[in-house]
Amino acid sequence: MIIASILVIGIAGALTCLIQGLYQAYFAEEADPSSLASSITISMRFIVRSSLLLFLFLPFFVFAIVRRSILKQRNSPPK
C-alpha cells in the first residue's frame, strides 16, 4: 500500500509538471517554449525521487513481509 502511494505521488507530480509546462509553452498569453523543457526536467526529478524513495524503503517492506510470514508459520499449529 505504501509502495503504491509513493508511486502514485511521483507520477501525479510528474504529470502535473508536464501539464503546467505544456500550458505555459503553448496556451499561456506569454508563450515560452523553454518552460516546457524546464517542466520536463522537474517531472523527471519527481519520477527519480519517487523511485529512490521506493528503493530506499523496499528492503524494509520485504523484511517486514518475510518476518510476518515466518511468525505466522511459527504460531500455526502443527499438522
Protein backbone atom coordinates (compact mmCIF):
# COMPACT_ATOMS: atom_id res chain seq x y z
CA MET A 1 0.00 0.00 0.00
CA ILE A 2 2.79 2.40 0.87
CA ILE A 3 4.71 1.41 -2.25
CA ALA A 4 1.69 2.19 -4.40
CA SER A 5 1.18 5.56 -2.72
CA ILE A 6 4.82 6.53 -3.31
CA LEU A 7 4.48 5.65 -6.99
CA VAL A 8 1.16 7.49 -7.33
CA ILE A 9 2.56 10.64 -5.72
CA GLY A 10 5.61 10.58 -8.01
CA ILE A 11 3.58 10.00 -11.17
CA ALA A 12 0.98 12.61 -10.19
CA GLY A 13 3.69 15.19 -9.52
CA ALA A 14 5.35 14.43 -12.84
CA LEU A 15 2.08 14.70 -14.77
CA THR A 16 1.21 17.95 -13.02
CA CYS A 17 4.56 19.47 -14.02
CA LEU A 18 4.19 18.29 -17.61
CA ILE A 19 0.67 19.70 -17.93
CA GLN A 20 1.77 23.01 -16.42
CA GLY A 21 4.75 23.16 -18.81
CA LEU A 22 2.58 22.40 -21.84
CA TYR A 23 0.15 25.11 -20.82
CA GLN A 24 2.91 27.68 -20.31
CA ALA A 25 4.64 26.72 -23.55
CA TYR A 26 1.66 26.77 -25.90
CA PHE A 27 -1.52 28.19 -24.37
CA ALA A 28 -0.46 30.96 -21.98
CA GLU A 29 -0.64 34.62 -23.03
CA GLU A 30 3.14 34.87 -22.94
CA ALA A 31 4.06 31.54 -24.51
CA ASP A 32 7.57 30.39 -23.68
CA PRO A 33 8.80 27.14 -25.27
CA SER A 34 11.69 26.93 -22.80
CA SER A 35 9.21 26.40 -19.96
CA LEU A 36 8.36 23.02 -21.49
CA ALA A 37 11.97 21.89 -21.15
CA SER A 38 12.14 23.02 -17.53
CA SER A 39 8.86 21.29 -16.71
CA ILE A 40 10.14 18.06 -18.28
CA THR A 41 13.25 18.36 -16.11
CA ILE A 42 11.17 18.90 -12.98
CA SER A 43 8.87 15.99 -13.84
CA MET A 44 11.87 13.71 -14.29
CA ARG A 45 13.07 14.80 -10.86
CA PHE A 46 9.69 13.78 -9.41
CA ILE A 47 9.96 10.35 -11.01
CA VAL A 48 13.56 9.87 -9.85
CA ARG A 49 12.75 10.95 -6.29
CA SER A 50 9.76 8.63 -6.04
CA SER A 51 11.86 5.77 -7.43
CA LEU A 52 14.63 6.48 -4.94
CA LEU A 53 12.12 6.52 -2.09
CA LEU A 54 10.69 3.26 -3.34
CA PHE A 55 14.08 1.54 -3.49
CA LEU A 56 15.10 3.05 -0.16
CA PHE A 57 12.09 1.63 1.67
CA LEU A 58 11.74 -1.59 -0.34
CA PRO A 59 14.15 -3.66 1.82
CA PHE A 60 12.20 -2.68 4.94
CA PHE A 61 8.92 -3.78 3.34
CA VAL A 62 10.41 -7.09 2.20
CA PHE A 63 11.89 -7.68 5.65
CA ALA A 64 8.54 -6.96 7.32
CA ILE A 65 6.65 -9.29 4.97
CA VAL A 66 9.16 -12.13 5.40
CA ARG A 67 9.22 -11.66 9.16
CA ARG A 68 5.44 -11.71 9.33
CA SER A 69 5.22 -14.91 7.30
CA ILE A 70 7.87 -16.59 9.48
CA LEU A 71 5.98 -15.59 12.63
CA LYS A 72 2.74 -16.94 11.17
CA GLN A 73 4.44 -20.27 10.43
CA ARG A 74 5.79 -20.48 13.98
CA ASN A 75 2.43 -19.70 15.56
CA SER A 76 0.41 -22.06 13.37
CA PRO A 77 -0.41 -25.43 14.92
CA PRO A 78 1.50 -28.41 13.52
CA LYS A 79 -0.35 -30.62 11.06
